[in-house]
Amino acid sequence: GVTVATITDELRQRYELAESTTKGVVIVEVTDNSSASSESLRPGDVIVEVGQEEVSSPAEVNAKVNAAKQEDKKSVLLLIDRQGDLRFVALRFPDAN
């Protein structure tokens, strides 16, 4: 439900990310009617952790989400930084049925 990217100077400027926001990956797109949109995630939010482990690239986010799915987990816990406001979000996986 989300598209993420490595934090670049261009994205830092577009989403007004603080210079201190150097860890994590930025959300650049959120699919309508996805679990991410229902959790109020939005472009410009920075994913700092997935499953309580720091992430620094889109590949790490994908790997940790896929690992959680393979372990038959119902959701994955994300630590989100929105303009310096940190919060945890449990992102539910769509039912595989």
PDB file of N, CA and C in Angstrom:
ATOM      1  N   GLY A   1       0.780  -1.212   0.000  1.00  0.00           N
ATOM      2  CA  GLY A   1       0.000   0.000   0.000  1.00  0.00           C
ATOM      3  C   GLY A   1       0.819   1.273   0.000  1.00  0.00           C
ATOM      4  N   VAL A   2       2.149   1.159   0.108  1.00  0.00           N
ATOM      5  CA  VAL A   2       2.985   2.368   0.079  1.00  0.00           C
ATOM      6  C   VAL A   2       4.152   2.179  -0.870  1.00  0.00           C
ATOM      7  N   THR A   3       4.599   3.305  -1.409  1.00  0.00           N
ATOM      8  CA  THR A   3       5.831   3.344  -2.193  1.00  0.00           C
ATOM      9  C   THR A   3       6.828   4.162  -1.390  1.00  0.00           C
ATOM     10  N   VAL A   4       8.032   3.623  -1.202  1.00  0.00           N
ATOM     11  CA  VAL A   4       9.045   4.303  -0.393  1.00  0.00           C
ATOM     12  C   VAL A   4      10.287   4.587  -1.221  1.00  0.00           C
ATOM     13  N   ALA A   5      11.078   5.537  -0.748  1.00  0.00           N
ATOM     14  CA  ALA A   5      12.311   5.901  -1.437  1.00  0.00           C
ATOM     15  C   ALA A   5      13.372   6.284  -0.415  1.00  0.00           C
ATOM     16  N   THR A   6      14.615   6.176  -0.828  1.00  0.00           N
ATOM     17  CA  THR A   6      15.722   6.640  -0.002  1.00  0.00           C
ATOM     18  C   THR A   6      15.612   8.157   0.130  1.00  0.00           C
ATOM     19  N   ILE A   7      15.944   8.677   1.300  1.00  0.00           N
ATOM     20  CA  ILE A   7      15.872  10.124   1.524  1.00  0.00           C
ATOM     21  C   ILE A   7      16.988  10.806   0.736  1.00  0.00           C
ATOM     22  N   THR A   8      16.594  11.683  -0.183  1.00  0.00           N
ATOM     23  CA  THR A   8      17.551  12.476  -0.969  1.00  0.00           C
ATOM     24  C   THR A   8      17.339  13.947  -0.633  1.00  0.00           C
ATOM     25  N   ASP A   9      18.252  14.787  -1.086  1.00  0.00           N
ATOM     26  CA  ASP A   9      18.093  16.226  -0.856  1.00  0.00           C
ATOM     27  C   ASP A   9      16.801  16.730  -1.489  1.00  0.00           C
ATOM     28  N   GLU A  10      16.481  16.211  -2.685  1.00  0.00           N
ATOM     29  CA  GLU A  10      15.254  16.632  -3.372  1.00  0.00           C
ATOM     30  C   GLU A  10      14.006  16.257  -2.559  1.00  0.00           C
ATOM     31  N   LEU A  11      13.963  15.015  -2.065  1.00  0.00           N
ATOM     32  CA  LEU A  11      12.814  14.581  -1.265  1.00  0.00           C
ATOM     33  C   LEU A  11      12.770  15.294   0.077  1.00  0.00           C
ATOM     34  N   ARG A  12      13.943  15.565   0.637  1.00  0.00           N
ATOM     35  CA  ARG A  12      14.005  16.298   1.903  1.00  0.00           C
ATOM     36  C   ARG A  12      13.369  17.683   1.723  1.00  0.00           C
ATOM     37  N   GLN A  13      13.660  18.300   0.584  1.00  0.00           N
ATOM     38  CA  GLN A  13      13.101  19.622   0.303  1.00  0.00           C
ATOM     39  C   GLN A  13      11.602  19.531  -0.009  1.00  0.00           C
ATOM     40  N   ARG A  14      11.199  18.564  -0.845  1.00  0.00           N
ATOM     41  CA  ARG A  14       9.796  18.417  -1.240  1.00  0.00           C
ATOM     42  C   ARG A  14       8.887  18.213  -0.036  1.00  0.00           C
ATOM     43  N   TYR A  15       9.329  17.367   0.916  1.00  0.00           N
ATOM     44  CA  TYR A  15       8.489  17.040   2.065  1.00  0.00           C
ATOM     45  C   TYR A  15       8.870  17.824   3.324  1.00  0.00           C
ATOM     46  N   GLU A  16       9.773  18.793   3.144  1.00  0.00           N
ATOM     47  CA  GLU A  16      10.200  19.649   4.258  1.00  0.00           C
ATOM     48  C   GLU A  16      10.685  18.823   5.439  1.00  0.00           C
ATOM     49  N   LEU A  17      11.548  17.860   5.147  1.00  0.00           N
ATOM     50  CA  LEU A  17      12.124  17.018   6.194  1.00  0.00           C
ATOM     51  C   LEU A  17      13.303  17.750   6.826  1.00  0.00           C
ATOM     52  N   ALA A  18      13.398  17.683   8.136  1.00  0.00           N
ATOM     53  CA  ALA A  18      14.492  18.333   8.847  1.00  0.00           C
ATOM     54  C   ALA A  18      15.825  17.693   8.459  1.00  0.00           C
ATOM     55  N   GLU A  19      16.869  18.504   8.496  1.00  0.00           N
ATOM     56  CA  GLU A  19      18.207  17.976   8.202  1.00  0.00           C
ATOM     57  C   GLU A  19      18.556  16.831   9.146  1.00  0.00           C
ATOM     58  N   SER A  20      18.006  16.873  10.353  1.00  0.00           N
ATOM     59  CA  SER A  20      18.306  15.827  11.335  1.00  0.00           C
ATOM     60  C   SER A  20      17.627  14.505  10.980  1.00  0.00           C
ATOM     61  N   THR A  21      16.650  14.553  10.044  1.00  0.00           N
ATOM     62  CA  THR A  21      15.966  13.334   9.619  1.00  0.00           C
ATOM     63  C   THR A  21      16.832  12.646   8.571  1.00  0.00           C
ATOM     64  N   THR A  22      17.780  11.853   9.029  1.00  0.00           N
ATOM     65  CA  THR A  22      18.684  11.190   8.097  1.00  0.00           C
ATOM     66  C   THR A  22      18.483   9.697   8.086  1.00  0.00           C
ATOM     67  N   LYS A  23      17.774   9.171   9.078  1.00  0.00           N
ATOM     68  CA  LYS A  23      17.565   7.729   9.139  1.00  0.00           C
ATOM     69  C   LYS A  23      16.185   7.384   8.633  1.00  0.00           C
ATOM     70  N   GLY A  24      16.114   6.253   7.963  1.00  0.00           N
ATOM     71  CA  GLY A  24      14.822   5.770   7.501  1.00  0.00           C
ATOM     72  C   GLY A  24      14.625   5.986   6.015  1.00  0.00           C
ATOM     73  N   VAL A  25      13.407   5.686   5.577  1.00  0.00           N
ATOM     74  CA  VAL A  25      13.023   5.865   4.173  1.00  0.00           C
ATOM     75  C   VAL A  25      11.730   6.661   4.142  1.00  0.00           C
ATOM     76  N   VAL A  26      11.583   7.483   3.124  1.00  0.00           N
ATOM     77  CA  VAL A  26      10.423   8.364   3.045  1.00  0.00           C
ATOM     78  C   VAL A  26       9.323   7.717   2.209  1.00  0.00           C
ATOM     79  N   ILE A  27       8.083   7.873   2.660  1.00  0.00           N
ATOM     80  CA  ILE A  27       6.929   7.403   1.893  1.00  0.00           C
ATOM     81  C   ILE A  27       6.640   8.445   0.824  1.00  0.00           C
ATOM     82  N   VAL A  28       6.597   8.011  -0.444  1.00  0.00           N
ATOM     83  CA  VAL A  28       6.334   8.941  -1.541  1.00  0.00           C
ATOM     84  C   VAL A  28       4.949   8.756  -2.144  1.00  0.00           C
ATOM     85  N   GLU A  29       4.314   7.622  -1.848  1.00  0.00           N
ATOM     86  CA  GLU A  29       2.972   7.381  -2.366  1.00  0.00           C
ATOM     87  C   GLU A  29       2.239   6.404  -1.456  1.00  0.00           C
ATOM     88  N   VAL A  30       0.941   6.661  -1.247  1.00  0.00           N
ATOM     89  CA  VAL A  30       0.094   5.774  -0.457  1.00  0.00           C
ATOM     90  C   VAL A  30      -1.112   5.404  -1.309  1.00  0.00           C
ATOM     91  N   THR A  31      -1.355   4.109  -1.464  1.00  0.00           N
ATOM     92  CA  THR A  31      -2.473   3.629  -2.266  1.00  0.00           C
ATOM     93  C   THR A  31      -3.788   3.882  -1.539  1.00  0.00           C
ATOM     94  N   ASP A  32      -4.762   4.450  -2.255  1.00  0.00           N
ATOM     95  CA  ASP A  32      -6.091   4.669  -1.678  1.00  0.00           C
ATOM     96  C   ASP A  32      -6.688   3.338  -1.247  1.00  0.00           C
ATOM     97  N   ASN A  33      -7.456   3.349  -0.173  1.00  0.00           N
ATOM     98  CA  ASN A  33      -8.160   2.177   0.351  1.00  0.00           C
ATOM     99  C   ASN A  33      -7.228   1.040   0.760  1.00  0.00           C
ATOM    100  N   SER A  34      -5.967   1.351   1.054  1.00  0.00           N
ATOM    101  CA  SER A  34      -5.032   0.331   1.546  1.00  0.00           C
ATOM    102  C   SER A  34      -4.972   0.418   3.064  1.00  0.00           C
ATOM    103  N   SER A  35      -4.340  -0.590   3.679  1.00  0.00           N
ATOM    104  CA  SER A  35      -4.208  -0.532   5.139  1.00  0.00           C
ATOM    105  C   SER A  35      -3.346   0.660   5.540  1.00  0.00           C
ATOM    106  N   ALA A  36      -2.405   1.045   4.670  1.00  0.00           N
ATOM    107  CA  ALA A  36      -1.565   2.212   4.967  1.00  0.00           C
ATOM    108  C   ALA A  36      -2.388   3.493   4.990  1.00  0.00           C
ATOM    109  N   SER A  37      -3.315   3.632   4.043  1.00  0.00           N
ATOM    110  CA  SER A  37      -4.142   4.843   4.033  1.00  0.00           C
ATOM    111  C   SER A  37      -5.115   4.845   5.216  1.00  0.00           C
ATOM    112  N   SER A  38      -5.606   3.663   5.604  1.00  0.00           N
ATOM    113  CA  SER A  38      -6.521   3.619   6.744  1.00  0.00           C
ATOM    114  C   SER A  38      -5.801   3.931   8.051  1.00  0.00           C
ATOM    115  N   GLU A  39      -4.479   3.770   8.074  1.00  0.00           N
ATOM    116  CA  GLU A  39      -3.683   4.122   9.256  1.00  0.00           C
ATOM    117  C   GLU A  39      -3.167   5.558   9.161  1.00  0.00           C
ATOM    118  N   SER A  40      -3.681   6.307   8.177  1.00  0.00           N
ATOM    119  CA  SER A  40      -3.338   7.718   7.990  1.00  0.00           C
ATOM    120  C   SER A  40      -1.879   7.964   7.622  1.00  0.00           C
ATOM    121  N   LEU A  41      -1.220   6.960   7.038  1.00  0.00           N
ATOM    122  CA  LEU A  41       0.124   7.207   6.523  1.00  0.00           C
ATOM    123  C   LEU A  41      -0.014   8.093   5.300  1.00  0.00           C
ATOM    124  N   ARG A  42       0.983   8.944   5.071  1.00  0.00           N
ATOM    125  CA  ARG A  42       0.904   9.848   3.931  1.00  0.00           C
ATOM    126  C   ARG A  42       2.291  10.152   3.388  1.00  0.00           C
ATOM    127  N   PRO A  43       2.340  10.613   2.141  1.00  0.00           N
ATOM    128  CA  PRO A  43       3.642  10.984   1.571  1.00  0.00           C
ATOM    129  C   PRO A  43       4.346  12.008   2.464  1.00  0.00           C
ATOM    130  N   GLY A  44       5.634  11.785   2.656  1.00  0.00           N
ATOM    131  CA  GLY A  44       6.414  12.658   3.520  1.00  0.00           C
ATOM    132  C   GLY A  44       6.684  12.045   4.878  1.00  0.00           C
ATOM    133  N   ASP A  45       5.890  11.029   5.258  1.00  0.00           N
ATOM    134  CA  ASP A  45       6.181  10.304   6.496  1.00  0.00           C
ATOM    135  C   ASP A  45       7.463   9.504   6.281  1.00  0.00           C
ATOM    136  N   VAL A  46       8.257   9.387   7.330  1.00  0.00           N
ATOM    137  CA  VAL A  46       9.509   8.631   7.246  1.00  0.00           C
ATOM    138  C   VAL A  46       9.377   7.369   8.083  1.00  0.00           C
ATOM    139  N   ILE A  47       9.635   6.223   7.458  1.00  0.00           N
ATOM    140  CA  ILE A  47       9.653   4.948   8.178  1.00  0.00           C
ATOM    141  C   ILE A  47      11.050   4.796   8.780  1.00  0.00           C
ATOM    142  N   VAL A  48      11.118   4.813  10.101  1.00  0.00           N
ATOM    143  CA  VAL A  48      12.395   4.723  10.806  1.00  0.00           C
ATOM    144  C   VAL A  48      12.721   3.271  11.150  1.00  0.00           C
ATOM    145  N   GLU A  49      11.682   2.527  11.555  1.00  0.00           N
ATOM    146  CA  GLU A  49      11.867   1.127  11.937  1.00  0.00           C
ATOM    147  C   GLU A  49      10.745   0.275  11.370  1.00  0.00           C
ATOM    148  N   VAL A  50      11.086  -0.971  11.067  1.00  0.00           N
ATOM    149  CA  VAL A  50      10.095  -1.988  10.697  1.00  0.00           C
ATOM    150  C   VAL A  50      10.340  -3.160  11.624  1.00  0.00           C
ATOM    151  N   GLY A  51       9.311  -3.562  12.364  1.00  0.00           N
ATOM    152  CA  GLY A  51       9.479  -4.665  13.307  1.00  0.00           C
ATOM    153  C   GLY A  51      10.512  -4.362  14.371  1.00  0.00           C
ATOM    154  N   GLN A  52      10.585  -3.104  14.780  1.00  0.00           N
ATOM    155  CA  GLN A  52      11.504  -2.622  15.812  1.00  0.00           C
ATOM    156  C   GLN A  52      12.971  -2.764  15.428  1.00  0.00           C
ATOM    157  N   GLU A  53      13.248  -2.743  14.114  1.00  0.00           N
ATOM    158  CA  GLU A  53      14.620  -2.737  13.620  1.00  0.00           C
ATOM    159  C   GLU A  53      14.759  -1.562  12.662  1.00  0.00           C
ATOM    160  N   GLU A  54      15.842  -0.775  12.825  1.00  0.00           N
ATOM    161  CA  GLU A  54      16.050   0.380  11.964  1.00  0.00           C
ATOM    162  C   GLU A  54      16.180  -0.036  10.504  1.00  0.00           C
ATOM    163  N   VAL A  55      15.669   0.825   9.626  1.00  0.00           N
ATOM    164  CA  VAL A  55      15.796   0.601   8.190  1.00  0.00           C
ATOM    165  C   VAL A  55      16.408   1.853   7.560  1.00  0.00           C
ATOM    166  N   SER A  56      17.181   1.633   6.484  1.00  0.00           N
ATOM    167  CA  SER A  56      17.818   2.769   5.820  1.00  0.00           C
ATOM    168  C   SER A  56      17.668   2.723   4.307  1.00  0.00           C
ATOM    169  N   SER A  57      16.941   1.710   3.808  1.00  0.00           N
ATOM    170  CA  SER A  57      16.743   1.625   2.359  1.00  0.00           C
ATOM    171  C   SER A  57      15.391   0.972   2.065  1.00  0.00           C
ATOM    172  N   PRO A  58      14.834   1.281   0.886  1.00  0.00           N
ATOM    173  CA  PRO A  58      13.581   0.619   0.500  1.00  0.00           C
ATOM    174  C   PRO A  58      13.712  -0.902   0.489  1.00  0.00           C
ATOM    175  N   ALA A  59      14.868  -1.422   0.090  1.00  0.00           N
ATOM    176  CA  ALA A  59      15.068  -2.877   0.049  1.00  0.00           C
ATOM    177  C   ALA A  59      14.944  -3.487   1.446  1.00  0.00           C
ATOM    178  N   GLU A  60      15.467  -2.787   2.468  1.00  0.00           N
ATOM    179  CA  GLU A  60      15.351  -3.289   3.840  1.00  0.00           C
ATOM    180  C   GLU A  60      13.892  -3.314   4.287  1.00  0.00           C
ATOM    181  N   VAL A  61      13.130  -2.279   3.937  1.00  0.00           N
ATOM    182  CA  VAL A  61      11.709  -2.240   4.289  1.00  0.00           C
ATOM    183  C   VAL A  61      11.001  -3.427   3.658  1.00  0.00           C
ATOM    184  N   ASN A  62      11.209  -3.622   2.354  1.00  0.00           N
ATOM    185  CA  ASN A  62      10.566  -4.743   1.649  1.00  0.00           C
ATOM    186  C   ASN A  62      10.957  -6.083   2.255  1.00  0.00           C
ATOM    187  N   ALA A  63      12.229  -6.263   2.573  1.00  0.00           N
ATOM    188  CA  ALA A  63      12.703  -7.536   3.127  1.00  0.00           C
ATOM    189  C   ALA A  63      12.046  -7.817   4.476  1.00  0.00           C
ATOM    190  N   LYS A  64      11.946  -6.802   5.324  1.00  0.00           N
ATOM    191  CA  LYS A  64      11.373  -7.005   6.657  1.00  0.00           C
ATOM    192  C   LYS A  64       9.864  -7.239   6.586  1.00  0.00           C
ATOM    193  N   VAL A  65       9.185  -6.546   5.681  1.00  0.00           N
ATOM    194  CA  VAL A  65       7.746  -6.760   5.504  1.00  0.00           C
ATOM    195  C   VAL A  65       7.503  -8.162   4.947  1.00  0.00           C
ATOM    196  N   ASN A  66       8.272  -8.557   3.940  1.00  0.00           N
ATOM    197  CA  ASN A  66       8.112  -9.894   3.359  1.00  0.00           C
ATOM    198  C   ASN A  66       8.428 -10.991   4.371  1.00  0.00           C
ATOM    199  N   ALA A  67       9.423 -10.767   5.213  1.00  0.00           N
ATOM    200  CA  ALA A  67       9.765 -11.759   6.240  1.00  0.00           C
ATOM    201  C   ALA A  67       8.594 -11.911   7.221  1.00  0.00           C
ATOM    202  N   ALA A  68       7.972 -10.804   7.597  1.00  0.00           N
ATOM    203  CA  ALA A  68       6.828 -10.866   8.512  1.00  0.00           C
ATOM    204  C   ALA A  68       5.671 -11.626   7.866  1.00  0.00           C
ATOM    205  N   LYS A  69       5.435 -11.400   6.571  1.00  0.00           N
ATOM    206  CA  LYS A  69       4.371 -12.118   5.862  1.00  0.00           C
ATOM    207  C   LYS A  69       4.666 -13.616   5.834  1.00  0.00           C
ATOM    208  N   GLN A  70       5.927 -13.976   5.569  1.00  0.00           N
ATOM    209  CA  GLN A  70       6.292 -15.388   5.496  1.00  0.00           C
ATOM    210  C   GLN A  70       6.167 -16.075   6.850  1.00  0.00           C
ATOM    211  N   GLU A  71       6.264 -15.296   7.918  1.00  0.00           N
ATOM    212  CA  GLU A  71       6.095 -15.855   9.262  1.00  0.00           C
ATOM    213  C   GLU A  71       4.623 -15.876   9.661  1.00  0.00           C
ATOM    214  N   ASP A  72       3.749 -15.621   8.678  1.00  0.00           N
ATOM    215  CA  ASP A  72       2.293 -15.616   8.885  1.00  0.00           C
ATOM    216  C   ASP A  72       1.830 -14.609   9.929  1.00  0.00           C
ATOM    217  N   LYS A  73       2.547 -13.512  10.035  1.00  0.00           N
ATOM    218  CA  LYS A  73       2.103 -12.456  10.939  1.00  0.00           C
ATOM    219  C   LYS A  73       0.953 -11.697  10.281  1.00  0.00           C
ATOM    220  N   LYS A  74       0.073 -11.159  11.102  1.00  0.00           N
ATOM    221  CA  LYS A  74      -1.101 -10.429  10.599  1.00  0.00           C
ATOM    222  C   LYS A  74      -0.779  -8.969  10.305  1.00  0.00           C
ATOM    223  N   SER A  75       0.320  -8.476  10.909  1.00  0.00           N
ATOM    224  CA  SER A  75       0.692  -7.077  10.723  1.00  0.00           C
ATOM    225  C   SER A  75       2.182  -6.911  10.991  1.00  0.00           C
ATOM    226  N   VAL A  76       2.669  -5.713  10.691  1.00  0.00           N
ATOM    227  CA  VAL A  76       4.057  -5.378  10.992  1.00  0.00           C
ATOM    228  C   VAL A  76       4.041  -4.006  11.670  1.00  0.00           C
ATOM    229  N   LEU A  77       4.905  -3.835  12.665  1.00  0.00           N
ATOM    230  CA  LEU A  77       4.953  -2.589  13.421  1.00  0.00           C
ATOM    231  C   LEU A  77       5.955  -1.636  12.779  1.00  0.00           C
ATOM    232  N   LEU A  78       5.478  -0.434  12.453  1.00  0.00           N
ATOM    233  CA  LEU A  78       6.337   0.592  11.859  1.00  0.00           C
ATOM    234  C   LEU A  78       6.517   1.731  12.858  1.00  0.00           C
ATOM    235  N   LEU A  79       7.734   2.287  12.923  1.00  0.00           N
ATOM    236  CA  LEU A  79       7.958   3.524  13.655  1.00  0.00           C
ATOM    237  C   LEU A  79       8.018   4.627  12.606  1.00  0.00           C
ATOM    238  N   ILE A  80       7.076   5.569  12.705  1.00  0.00           N
ATOM    239  CA  ILE A  80       6.925   6.634  11.721  1.00  0.00           C
ATOM    240  C   ILE A  80       7.365   7.964  12.327  1.00  0.00           C
ATOM    241  N   ASP A  81       8.131   8.718  11.552  1.00  0.00           N
ATOM    242  CA  ASP A  81       8.527  10.076  11.933  1.00  0.00           C
ATOM    243  C   ASP A  81       7.778  11.029  11.008  1.00  0.00           C
ATOM    244  N   ARG A  82       6.847  11.794  11.586  1.00  0.00           N
ATOM    245  CA  ARG A  82       6.116  12.799  10.804  1.00  0.00           C
ATOM    246  C   ARG A  82       6.485  14.164  11.351  1.00  0.00           C
ATOM    247  N   GLN A  83       7.388  14.833  10.649  1.00  0.00           N
ATOM    248  CA  GLN A  83       7.826  16.174  11.039  1.00  0.00           C
ATOM    249  C   GLN A  83       8.290  16.216  12.497  1.00  0.00           C
ATOM    250  N   GLY A  84       9.054  15.204  12.902  1.00  0.00           N
ATOM    251  CA  GLY A  84       9.607  15.167  14.249  1.00  0.00           C
ATOM    252  C   GLY A  84       8.708  14.501  15.282  1.00  0.00           C
ATOM    253  N   ASP A  85       7.486  14.148  14.884  1.00  0.00           N
ATOM    254  CA  ASP A  85       6.550  13.473  15.782  1.00  0.00           C
ATOM    255  C   ASP A  85       6.640  11.970  15.522  1.00  0.00           C
ATOM    256  N   LEU A  86       7.153  11.221  16.491  1.00  0.00           N
ATOM    257  CA  LEU A  86       7.319   9.776  16.333  1.00  0.00           C
ATOM    258  C   LEU A  86       6.083   9.044  16.826  1.00  0.00           C
ATOM    259  N   ARG A  87       5.663   8.038  16.053  1.00  0.00           N
ATOM    260  CA  ARG A  87       4.539   7.209  16.489  1.00  0.00           C
ATOM    261  C   ARG A  87       4.680   5.824  15.878  1.00  0.00           C
ATOM    262  N   PHE A  88       4.131   4.845  16.600  1.00  0.00           N
ATOM    263  CA  PHE A  88       4.110   3.478  16.095  1.00  0.00           C
ATOM    264  C   PHE A  88       2.800   3.232  15.371  1.00  0.00           C
ATOM    265  N   VAL A  89       2.879   2.511  14.252  1.00  0.00           N
ATOM    266  CA  VAL A  89       1.701   2.144  13.472  1.00  0.00           C
ATOM    267  C   VAL A  89       1.780   0.653  13.186  1.00  0.00           C
ATOM    268  N   ALA A  90       0.703  -0.058  13.502  1.00  0.00           N
ATOM    269  CA  ALA A  90       0.624  -1.480  13.151  1.00  0.00           C
ATOM    270  C   ALA A  90      -0.025  -1.556  11.767  1.00  0.00           C
ATOM    271  N   LEU A  91       0.749  -1.936  10.782  1.00  0.00           N
ATOM    272  CA  LEU A  91       0.255  -2.016   9.412  1.00  0.00           C
ATOM    273  C   LEU A  91      -0.213  -3.446   9.148  1.00  0.00           C
ATOM    274  N   ARG A  92      -1.532  -3.595   8.999  1.00  0.00           N
ATOM    275  CA  ARG A  92      -2.122  -4.920   8.800  1.00  0.00           C
ATOM    276  C   ARG A  92      -1.924  -5.361   7.347  1.00  0.00           C
ATOM    277  N   PHE A  93      -1.710  -6.675   7.198  1.00  0.00           N
ATOM    278  CA  PHE A  93      -1.600  -7.253   5.872  1.00  0.00           C
ATOM    279  C   PHE A  93      -2.985  -7.634   5.377  1.00  0.00           C
ATOM    280  N   PRO A  94      -3.251  -7.469   4.077  1.00  0.00           N
ATOM    281  CA  PRO A  94      -4.546  -7.937   3.564  1.00  0.00           C
ATOM    282  C   PRO A  94      -4.635  -9.459   3.722  1.00  0.00           C
ATOM    283  N   ASP A  95      -5.836  -9.949   3.954  1.00  0.00           N
ATOM    284  CA  ASP A  95      -6.018 -11.393   4.071  1.00  0.00           C
ATOM    285  C   ASP A  95      -5.628 -12.051   2.759  1.00  0.00           C
ATOM    286  N   ALA A  96      -4.924 -13.156   2.867  1.00  0.00           N
ATOM    287  CA  ALA A  96      -4.455 -13.873   1.681  1.00  0.00           C
ATOM    288  C   ALA A  96      -5.577 -14.698   1.028  1.00  0.00           C
ATOM    289  N   ASN A  97      -6.711 -14.776   1.691  1.00  0.00           N
ATOM    290  CA  ASN A  97      -7.815 -15.606   1.174  1.00  0.00           C
ATOM    291  C   ASN A  97      -8.432 -14.981  -0.048  1.00  0.00           C
TER     292      ASN A  97
END
